Amino acid sequence: MQPQAISDPRPDPETIRKKLLAIEGELNDSFLERHEESRGLLCALVARENVLLLGPPGTAKSALAQAICSRLQTDGGAGDAADGYFYTLLSRTSTPEQLFGPVSIKALENDSYARKTAGYLPEARVAFIDEIFKGNSAVLNGMLSILNERVYVNDGRRQTVPLKLCIGASNELPADREELDALWDRFLLRFQTSYLSDASFEAMLLGANVGTGNADSPTSLLADELEAACAAASEVKTSHLVGSLGAIRRSLREGSITASDRRYARGLSLVRANAFLDGRAEAAEEDLAILQHSLWPEPSARQEVRRKVMEVAAPQLGDAQDYLDQAREIHHNALSAPDGEKKSEAGFEANGKLKHIHNKLSGLAGAKDKAASGGARTTVQKRIEAIATEVARMNEEVLDKCLGMST
């Protein structure tokens, strides 16, 4: 009699990776021009880090944060309090009770000042804190150990926090940040969201699901699957990238841009997570590209940090991003031209320039394809192809609105 095979109850990392990529695809379908934010949120989730979304109202910060948090669940269902999802909106009048729970009356009777933390930030697995910089000092300082060490001190006792991902959002960065520097540094990934380009704006208005974060059957992730993904990502090898990371650090310092040693060290967890999502057991230089969203100290330095990081991590993608910025300006200028002859002239000129940019992008994607091992399409190549598609869409709109030529 043959012995009965025993199935392995542990989640399969490859299956989980595909689920994470499915979530990423759903987010990209729902939120236009938020590809980098979607990938960053998933990397932070797998790396157990925090993400800050900074931008004006109406740029889908809250919707994007809630969309990813709602996909994380236990066996009981997605997105409710029992699953360890915590949300709050801060203001100057917010109290510690709003984040950390009310003080226990029974504990007070025993001369103890302990909080009832069930359902609050100290027991959350994922958290979304809106308008995070508007909290007062008592609230903000209380978050520091939770966000950094994943520890909450409750009546003198250190309580381990199961937090995997905290998303903070703010409409603006306060001018006087001296007392907020510690909190600012707790967010390893920082994204500055902006309003959609003209081309994507029309696509948003025409697409019923765009910007809502709702898929017909959204992919979800169980708690044990998330744990397995975190463990698998932590095993990705990065030691061979130390030299490249050092080159990025030296380049930034030459431009008087400084990041703490801690940010560089913890940034490797993001590099591992990005490699895991792309199915690599050993990180590649292109995985360093995610650090462009980690190493800028001020919004004014964001573009310079991006350029210097991409010079080392993925020069072709850096070039493609520059081409995209040029294309958006050309597209905007053409559509803004006054009606009549000037509109037509602007359309003809923009059409030629956008075609030239598209050809350049096609060349970059082809060069990357030849370099990919085994013909595999890497994340860098996919992103270049997506940029090329966006530029083509801009050109179609120029032909339609400026020249009356429907494609």
Protein backbone atom coordinates (compact mmCIF):
# COMPACT_ATOMS: atom_id res chain seq x y z
CA MET A 1 0.00 0.00 0.00
CA GLN A 2 1.46 3.34 -1.08
CA PRO A 3 1.80 6.00 1.67
CA GLN A 4 -0.62 8.88 1.23
CA ALA A 5 1.01 12.11 0.10
CA ILE A 6 0.81 14.98 2.56
CA SER A 7 0.12 18.36 0.97
CA ASP A 8 2.31 21.29 1.97
CA PRO A 9 0.03 23.84 3.75
CA ARG A 10 2.54 26.66 3.34
CA PRO A 11 1.68 29.27 0.68
CA ASP A 12 3.73 29.04 -2.51
CA PRO A 13 5.80 32.25 -2.99
CA GLU A 14 5.47 32.11 -6.78
CA THR A 15 1.67 31.88 -6.58
CA ILE A 16 1.63 34.79 -4.14
CA ARG A 17 3.92 36.82 -6.40
CA LYS A 18 1.47 36.39 -9.26
CA LYS A 19 -1.38 37.52 -7.02
CA LEU A 20 0.59 40.64 -6.09
CA LEU A 21 1.22 41.36 -9.77
CA ALA A 22 -2.51 40.89 -10.43
CA ILE A 23 -3.24 43.48 -7.74
CA GLU A 24 -0.72 45.82 -9.35
CA GLY A 25 -2.39 45.37 -12.74
CA GLU A 26 -5.81 46.12 -11.27
CA LEU A 27 -4.50 49.28 -9.60
CA ASN A 28 -2.87 50.42 -12.84
CA ASP A 29 -6.12 49.86 -14.72
CA SER A 30 -8.06 51.88 -12.17
CA PHE A 31 -5.59 54.70 -11.52
CA LEU A 32 -4.05 56.37 -14.57
CA GLU A 33 -0.48 57.69 -14.27
CA ARG A 34 -0.02 56.00 -10.90
CA HIS A 35 2.13 53.04 -12.03
CA GLU A 36 5.10 54.03 -9.86
CA GLU A 37 2.90 54.61 -6.80
CA SER A 38 1.23 51.21 -7.25
CA ARG A 39 4.56 49.39 -7.52
CA GLY A 40 5.95 51.39 -4.60
CA LEU A 41 3.01 50.52 -2.35
CA LEU A 42 3.41 46.81 -3.09
CA CYS A 43 7.18 46.95 -2.53
CA ALA A 44 6.63 48.73 0.79
CA LEU A 45 4.04 46.13 1.79
CA VAL A 46 6.42 43.24 1.09
CA ALA A 47 9.35 45.10 2.70
CA ARG A 48 7.30 46.11 5.80
CA GLU A 49 7.90 49.81 5.19
CA ASN A 50 5.90 53.07 5.07
CA VAL A 51 4.76 55.21 2.13
CA LEU A 52 3.90 58.91 1.98
CA LEU A 53 1.59 60.24 -0.74
CA LEU A 54 2.04 63.98 -1.07
CA GLY A 55 -0.06 66.08 -3.43
CA PRO A 56 -3.04 68.42 -3.89
CA PRO A 57 -6.62 67.34 -3.19
CA GLY A 58 -8.28 65.23 -5.85
CA THR A 59 -5.22 63.31 -7.05
CA ALA A 60 -6.56 59.91 -5.89
CA LYS A 61 -4.25 59.58 -2.88
CA SER A 62 -6.98 58.35 -0.54
CA ALA A 63 -8.62 56.17 -3.19
CA LEU A 64 -5.32 54.49 -4.07
CA ALA A 65 -4.44 53.88 -0.42
CA GLN A 66 -7.85 52.43 0.36
CA ALA A 67 -7.79 50.29 -2.79
CA ILE A 68 -4.63 48.47 -1.75
CA CYS A 69 -5.63 48.20 1.92
CA SER A 70 -8.99 46.67 0.98
CA ARG A 71 -7.22 43.82 -0.83
CA LEU A 72 -5.51 42.57 2.33
CA GLN A 73 -7.60 40.18 4.38
CA THR A 74 -7.74 37.28 6.78
CA ASP A 75 -10.02 34.29 6.35
CA GLY A 76 -12.85 36.46 7.63
CA GLY A 77 -13.01 38.85 4.66
CA ALA A 78 -11.31 41.88 3.22
CA GLY A 79 -10.89 45.38 4.51
CA ASP A 80 -12.71 45.40 7.86
CA ALA A 81 -11.46 46.13 11.38
CA ALA A 82 -11.08 42.46 12.21
CA ASP A 83 -8.48 42.21 9.49
CA GLY A 84 -6.25 44.77 11.17
CA TYR A 85 -6.99 47.69 8.83
CA PHE A 86 -6.84 51.05 10.58
CA TYR A 87 -7.87 54.41 9.12
CA THR A 88 -8.02 57.89 10.56
CA LEU A 89 -8.06 61.51 9.41
CA LEU A 90 -5.92 63.80 11.56
CA SER A 91 -6.49 67.42 12.52
CA ARG A 92 -5.01 69.82 15.06
CA THR A 93 -7.66 68.71 17.54
CA SER A 94 -6.92 64.98 17.18
CA THR A 95 -6.15 63.21 20.44
CA PRO A 96 -3.96 60.17 21.19
CA GLU A 97 -7.16 58.19 21.78
CA GLN A 98 -7.97 58.54 18.07
CA LEU A 99 -4.88 56.56 17.10
CA PHE A 100 -3.89 54.47 20.09
CA GLY A 101 -7.22 53.69 21.75
CA PRO A 102 -9.01 54.87 24.89
CA VAL A 103 -7.52 54.60 28.35
CA SER A 104 -8.80 51.53 30.19
CA ILE A 105 -11.05 52.43 33.13
CA LYS A 106 -10.25 49.12 34.82
CA ALA A 107 -6.54 49.83 34.50
CA LEU A 108 -7.02 53.26 36.11
CA GLU A 109 -8.72 51.60 39.06
CA ASN A 110 -5.47 49.67 39.54
CA ASP A 111 -3.28 52.79 39.26
CA SER A 112 -2.28 51.90 35.69
CA TYR A 113 -2.49 54.09 32.57
CA ALA A 114 -2.95 51.46 29.88
CA ARG A 115 -4.82 51.93 26.63
CA LYS A 116 -7.29 49.51 25.03
CA THR A 117 -5.53 49.15 21.70
CA ALA A 118 -7.79 46.61 19.96
CA GLY A 119 -8.97 48.08 16.65
CA TYR A 120 -6.43 50.91 16.72
CA LEU A 121 -3.00 51.59 15.22
CA PRO A 122 -0.96 49.50 17.75
CA GLU A 123 -2.77 46.34 16.56
CA ALA A 124 -3.10 47.15 12.85
CA ARG A 125 -1.50 45.18 10.01
CA VAL A 126 -2.12 47.94 7.48
CA ALA A 127 -2.91 51.58 8.22
CA PHE A 128 -3.90 54.66 6.28
CA ILE A 129 -3.46 58.00 8.04
CA ASP A 130 -4.87 60.91 6.06
CA GLU A 131 -3.60 64.48 6.52
CA ILE A 132 -0.82 63.03 8.61
CA PHE A 133 1.07 66.29 9.12
CA LYS A 134 -1.93 68.06 10.68
CA GLY A 135 -1.76 66.11 13.93
CA ASN A 136 -0.45 67.77 17.08
CA SER A 137 2.84 66.85 18.79
CA ALA A 138 1.28 64.39 21.24
CA VAL A 139 -0.23 62.39 18.37
CA LEU A 140 2.70 62.59 15.98
CA ASN A 141 5.40 61.73 18.54
CA GLY A 142 3.37 58.73 19.66
CA MET A 143 3.57 57.29 16.14
CA LEU A 144 7.36 57.38 15.82
CA SER A 145 8.24 54.07 17.48
CA ILE A 146 5.32 52.35 15.73
CA LEU A 147 6.45 53.48 12.30
CA ASN A 148 10.15 52.78 12.86
CA GLU A 149 10.61 49.92 15.31
CA ARG A 150 7.05 48.53 15.06
CA VAL A 151 6.75 48.87 18.84
CA TYR A 152 4.19 50.70 20.99
CA VAL A 153 4.89 51.46 24.65
CA ASN A 154 1.66 50.96 26.57
CA ASP A 155 1.87 51.85 30.26
CA GLY A 156 5.60 51.16 30.26
CA ARG A 157 5.28 47.82 28.47
CA ARG A 158 6.67 47.36 24.97
CA GLN A 159 3.98 45.99 22.69
CA THR A 160 4.98 44.55 19.32
CA VAL A 161 2.96 46.06 16.49
CA PRO A 162 2.05 43.71 13.55
CA LEU A 163 2.10 46.63 11.10
CA LYS A 164 3.20 45.64 7.58
CA LEU A 165 2.37 48.88 5.77
CA CYS A 166 1.49 52.39 6.86
CA ILE A 167 0.36 54.86 4.22
CA GLY A 168 0.41 58.53 5.10
CA ALA A 169 -1.20 61.17 2.91
CA SER A 170 -1.03 64.95 2.92
CA ASN A 171 -2.22 67.71 0.63
CA GLU A 172 0.84 69.78 1.42
CA LEU A 173 4.21 69.72 3.11
CA PRO A 174 4.23 72.22 6.00
CA ALA A 175 6.64 75.12 5.56
CA ASP A 176 7.89 74.78 9.14
CA ARG A 177 9.00 71.17 9.28
CA GLU A 178 11.47 71.25 12.16
CA GLU A 179 9.22 69.35 14.56
CA LEU A 180 8.10 67.00 11.78
CA ASP A 181 11.56 65.90 10.59
CA ALA A 182 11.48 62.67 12.62
CA LEU A 183 8.06 61.73 11.22
CA TRP A 184 9.11 62.71 7.67
CA ASP A 185 12.10 60.38 7.92
CA ARG A 186 9.89 57.44 8.95
CA PHE A 187 8.46 57.20 5.42
CA LEU A 188 10.98 55.29 3.33
CA LEU A 189 9.03 55.87 0.11
CA ARG A 190 7.71 59.31 -0.82
CA PHE A 191 5.58 60.05 -3.87
CA GLN A 192 4.54 63.48 -5.06
CA THR A 193 1.25 62.98 -6.88
CA SER A 194 -0.02 65.52 -9.37
CA TYR A 195 -3.08 66.07 -11.53
CA LEU A 196 -3.44 63.95 -14.66
CA SER A 197 -2.01 65.01 -18.00
CA ASP A 198 -4.51 66.19 -20.62
CA ALA A 199 -4.45 62.85 -22.44
CA SER A 200 -5.13 60.81 -19.30
CA PHE A 201 -7.73 63.31 -18.09
CA GLU A 202 -10.02 62.52 -21.02
CA ALA A 203 -9.38 58.80 -20.60
CA MET A 204 -10.42 59.14 -16.95
CA LEU A 205 -13.68 60.87 -17.88
CA LEU A 206 -14.48 58.22 -20.51
CA GLY A 207 -13.54 55.22 -18.34
CA ALA A 208 -16.22 54.10 -15.92
CA ASN A 209 -13.83 52.34 -13.54
CA VAL A 210 -10.81 54.64 -13.85
CA GLY A 211 -9.90 56.24 -10.54
CA THR A 212 -12.34 54.22 -8.45
CA GLY A 213 -10.00 51.40 -7.48
CA ASN A 214 -12.82 48.90 -7.99
CA ALA A 215 -12.37 45.79 -10.11
CA ASP A 216 -15.19 43.36 -10.88
CA SER A 217 -13.45 40.65 -8.83
CA PRO A 218 -10.52 42.31 -7.05
CA THR A 219 -7.61 40.06 -6.17
CA SER A 220 -7.04 39.79 -2.43
CA LEU A 221 -4.20 38.53 -0.26
CA LEU A 222 -4.49 36.50 2.93
CA ALA A 223 -2.41 37.25 6.01
CA ASP A 224 -0.35 34.06 5.74
CA GLU A 225 0.28 34.77 2.05
CA LEU A 226 1.61 38.21 2.90
CA GLU A 227 3.90 36.70 5.53
CA ALA A 228 5.24 34.23 2.97
CA ALA A 229 5.85 37.04 0.46
CA CYS A 230 7.75 39.08 3.06
CA ALA A 231 9.89 36.06 3.94
CA ALA A 232 10.65 35.22 0.30
CA ALA A 233 11.59 38.83 -0.50
CA SER A 234 13.97 38.99 2.45
CA GLU A 235 15.99 36.13 0.89
CA VAL A 236 16.73 38.02 -2.35
CA LYS A 237 20.49 38.61 -2.75
CA THR A 238 21.68 42.24 -2.96
CA SER A 239 25.34 42.13 -1.81
CA HIS A 240 26.60 42.49 -5.40
CA LEU A 241 24.82 45.87 -5.68
CA VAL A 242 26.80 47.54 -2.89
CA GLY A 243 29.15 49.20 -5.39
CA SER A 244 26.28 50.56 -7.46
CA LEU A 245 24.52 51.89 -4.38
CA GLY A 246 27.76 53.56 -3.33
CA ALA A 247 27.99 55.19 -6.77
CA ILE A 248 24.47 56.62 -6.34
CA ARG A 249 25.40 57.96 -2.89
CA ARG A 250 28.56 59.65 -4.18
CA SER A 251 26.71 61.17 -7.13
CA LEU A 252 24.02 62.60 -4.88
CA ARG A 253 26.54 64.00 -2.42
CA GLU A 254 28.35 65.74 -5.27
CA GLY A 255 25.06 67.52 -5.90
CA SER A 256 24.73 68.38 -2.18
CA ILE A 257 21.88 65.92 -1.72
CA THR A 258 22.28 63.89 1.46
CA ALA A 259 20.27 60.96 2.76
CA SER A 260 20.90 59.17 6.04
CA ASP A 261 22.84 55.93 6.21
CA ARG A 262 19.67 54.36 7.60
CA ARG A 263 17.71 55.25 4.45
CA TYR A 264 20.31 53.61 2.22
CA ALA A 265 20.42 50.48 4.39
CA ARG A 266 16.66 50.14 4.63
CA GLY A 267 16.32 51.01 0.97
CA LEU A 268 17.81 47.61 0.17
CA SER A 269 14.62 46.03 1.53
CA LEU A 270 12.72 47.87 -1.20
CA VAL A 271 15.24 46.67 -3.78
CA ARG A 272 14.71 43.08 -2.61
CA ALA A 273 10.93 43.50 -2.74
CA ASN A 274 11.04 44.87 -6.28
CA ALA A 275 13.25 41.98 -7.42
CA PHE A 276 10.88 39.48 -5.76
CA LEU A 277 7.89 40.98 -7.58
CA ASP A 278 9.79 40.58 -10.86
CA GLY A 279 10.61 36.95 -10.07
CA ARG A 280 14.33 37.33 -9.37
CA ALA A 281 16.18 35.59 -6.55
CA GLU A 282 19.08 37.99 -7.12
CA ALA A 283 18.41 41.71 -7.48
CA ALA A 284 19.51 43.51 -10.65
CA GLU A 285 20.73 47.08 -11.04
CA GLU A 286 17.33 48.08 -12.42
CA ASP A 287 15.81 47.23 -9.02
CA LEU A 288 17.73 50.19 -7.60
CA ALA A 289 15.41 52.47 -9.60
CA ILE A 290 12.86 52.39 -6.79
CA LEU A 291 15.29 54.42 -4.66
CA GLN A 292 14.47 57.49 -6.75
CA HIS A 293 11.35 57.70 -4.57
CA SER A 294 13.27 57.24 -1.32
CA LEU A 295 16.34 59.45 -1.40
CA TRP A 296 14.94 62.93 -2.07
CA PRO A 297 14.96 65.13 1.04
CA GLU A 298 12.80 67.92 -0.44
CA PRO A 299 10.31 68.01 -3.34
CA SER A 300 12.61 70.45 -5.16
CA ALA A 301 15.31 67.75 -5.28
CA ARG A 302 13.05 65.03 -6.65
CA GLN A 303 13.95 65.39 -10.32
CA GLU A 304 17.68 65.59 -9.63
CA VAL A 305 17.55 62.48 -7.45
CA ARG A 306 15.62 60.65 -10.14
CA ARG A 307 18.18 61.55 -12.77
CA LYS A 308 21.18 60.48 -10.70
CA VAL A 309 19.59 57.22 -9.52
CA MET A 310 18.50 56.27 -13.01
CA GLU A 311 21.96 56.95 -14.45
CA VAL A 312 23.16 53.98 -12.40
CA ALA A 313 20.04 51.83 -12.11
CA ALA A 314 18.32 52.01 -15.51
CA PRO A 315 19.67 54.65 -17.92
CA GLN A 316 17.23 53.67 -20.67
CA LEU A 317 14.20 54.09 -18.42
CA GLY A 318 15.58 57.40 -17.21
CA ASP A 319 15.80 58.55 -20.83
CA ALA A 320 12.26 57.33 -21.43
CA GLN A 321 10.95 59.30 -18.45
CA ASP A 322 12.67 62.43 -19.80
CA TYR A 323 11.05 61.83 -23.20
CA LEU A 324 7.66 61.51 -21.48
CA ASP A 325 8.12 64.88 -19.77
CA GLN A 326 8.98 66.45 -23.14
CA ALA A 327 5.98 64.81 -24.81
CA ARG A 328 3.58 66.09 -22.15
CA GLU A 329 4.83 69.66 -22.64
CA ILE A 330 4.54 69.39 -26.45
CA HIS A 331 1.05 67.90 -26.13
CA HIS A 332 -0.09 70.61 -23.69
CA ASN A 333 1.26 73.46 -25.85
CA ALA A 334 -0.46 72.13 -28.96
CA LEU A 335 -3.86 71.76 -27.30
CA SER A 336 -3.50 75.21 -25.69
CA ALA A 337 -2.87 76.96 -29.01
CA PRO A 338 -5.65 79.34 -30.16
CA ASP A 339 -8.17 77.96 -32.65
CA GLY A 340 -7.67 78.46 -36.36
CA GLU A 341 -4.44 78.57 -38.33
CA LYS A 342 -2.23 78.69 -35.24
CA LYS A 343 -3.92 75.56 -33.89
CA SER A 344 -3.17 73.72 -37.13
CA GLU A 345 0.43 74.91 -37.17
CA ALA A 346 0.91 73.83 -33.57
CA GLY A 347 -0.67 70.45 -34.42
CA PHE A 348 1.64 69.80 -37.37
CA GLU A 349 4.69 70.71 -35.30
CA ALA A 350 3.59 68.62 -32.31
CA ASN A 351 2.79 65.65 -34.57
CA GLY A 352 6.33 65.61 -35.93
CA LYS A 353 7.93 65.95 -32.49
CA LEU A 354 5.73 63.31 -30.88
CA LYS A 355 6.41 60.85 -33.70
CA HIS A 356 10.13 61.44 -33.23
CA ILE A 357 9.84 60.80 -29.48
CA HIS A 358 7.81 57.64 -30.08
CA ASN A 359 10.48 56.32 -32.43
CA LYS A 360 13.14 57.01 -29.81
CA LEU A 361 11.10 55.14 -27.20
CA SER A 362 10.61 52.19 -29.54
CA GLY A 363 14.37 52.06 -29.98
CA LEU A 364 14.92 52.08 -26.21
CA ALA A 365 12.40 49.27 -25.71
CA GLY A 366 14.04 47.22 -28.46
CA ALA A 367 17.52 47.71 -26.98
CA LYS A 368 16.27 46.61 -23.59
CA ASP A 369 14.60 43.58 -25.14
CA LYS A 370 17.88 42.43 -26.69
CA ALA A 371 19.63 42.82 -23.33
CA ALA A 372 17.02 40.80 -21.41
CA SER A 373 18.13 37.29 -20.61
CA GLY A 374 16.18 34.61 -22.46
CA GLY A 375 14.09 37.26 -24.18
CA ALA A 376 12.18 37.99 -20.94
CA ARG A 377 10.42 41.35 -20.79
CA THR A 378 11.68 43.12 -17.69
CA THR A 379 9.81 45.71 -15.65
CA VAL A 380 12.00 48.40 -17.21
CA GLN A 381 11.03 47.34 -20.72
CA LYS A 382 7.35 47.12 -19.81
CA ARG A 383 7.50 50.64 -18.38
CA ILE A 384 9.22 51.98 -21.50
CA GLU A 385 6.54 50.33 -23.64
CA ALA A 386 3.83 51.89 -21.45
CA ILE A 387 5.45 55.31 -21.90
CA ALA A 388 5.56 54.77 -25.68
CA THR A 389 1.85 53.90 -25.62
CA GLU A 390 1.08 57.05 -23.66
CA VAL A 391 3.01 59.20 -26.15
CA ALA A 392 1.13 57.55 -29.03
CA ARG A 393 -2.16 58.40 -27.32
CA MET A 394 -1.05 62.02 -26.94
CA ASN A 395 -0.26 62.17 -30.66
CA GLU A 396 -3.67 60.75 -31.56
CA GLU A 397 -5.30 63.47 -29.50
CA VAL A 398 -3.20 66.17 -31.21
CA LEU A 399 -4.23 64.84 -34.63
CA ASP A 400 -7.88 64.85 -33.58
CA LYS A 401 -8.11 68.17 -31.70
CA CYS A 402 -5.65 70.25 -33.73
CA LEU A 403 -5.89 68.80 -37.23
CA GLY A 404 -9.29 67.14 -37.27
CA MET A 405 -7.76 63.80 -38.21
CA SER A 406 -9.39 60.88 -36.38
CA THR A 407 -7.24 57.76 -36.11
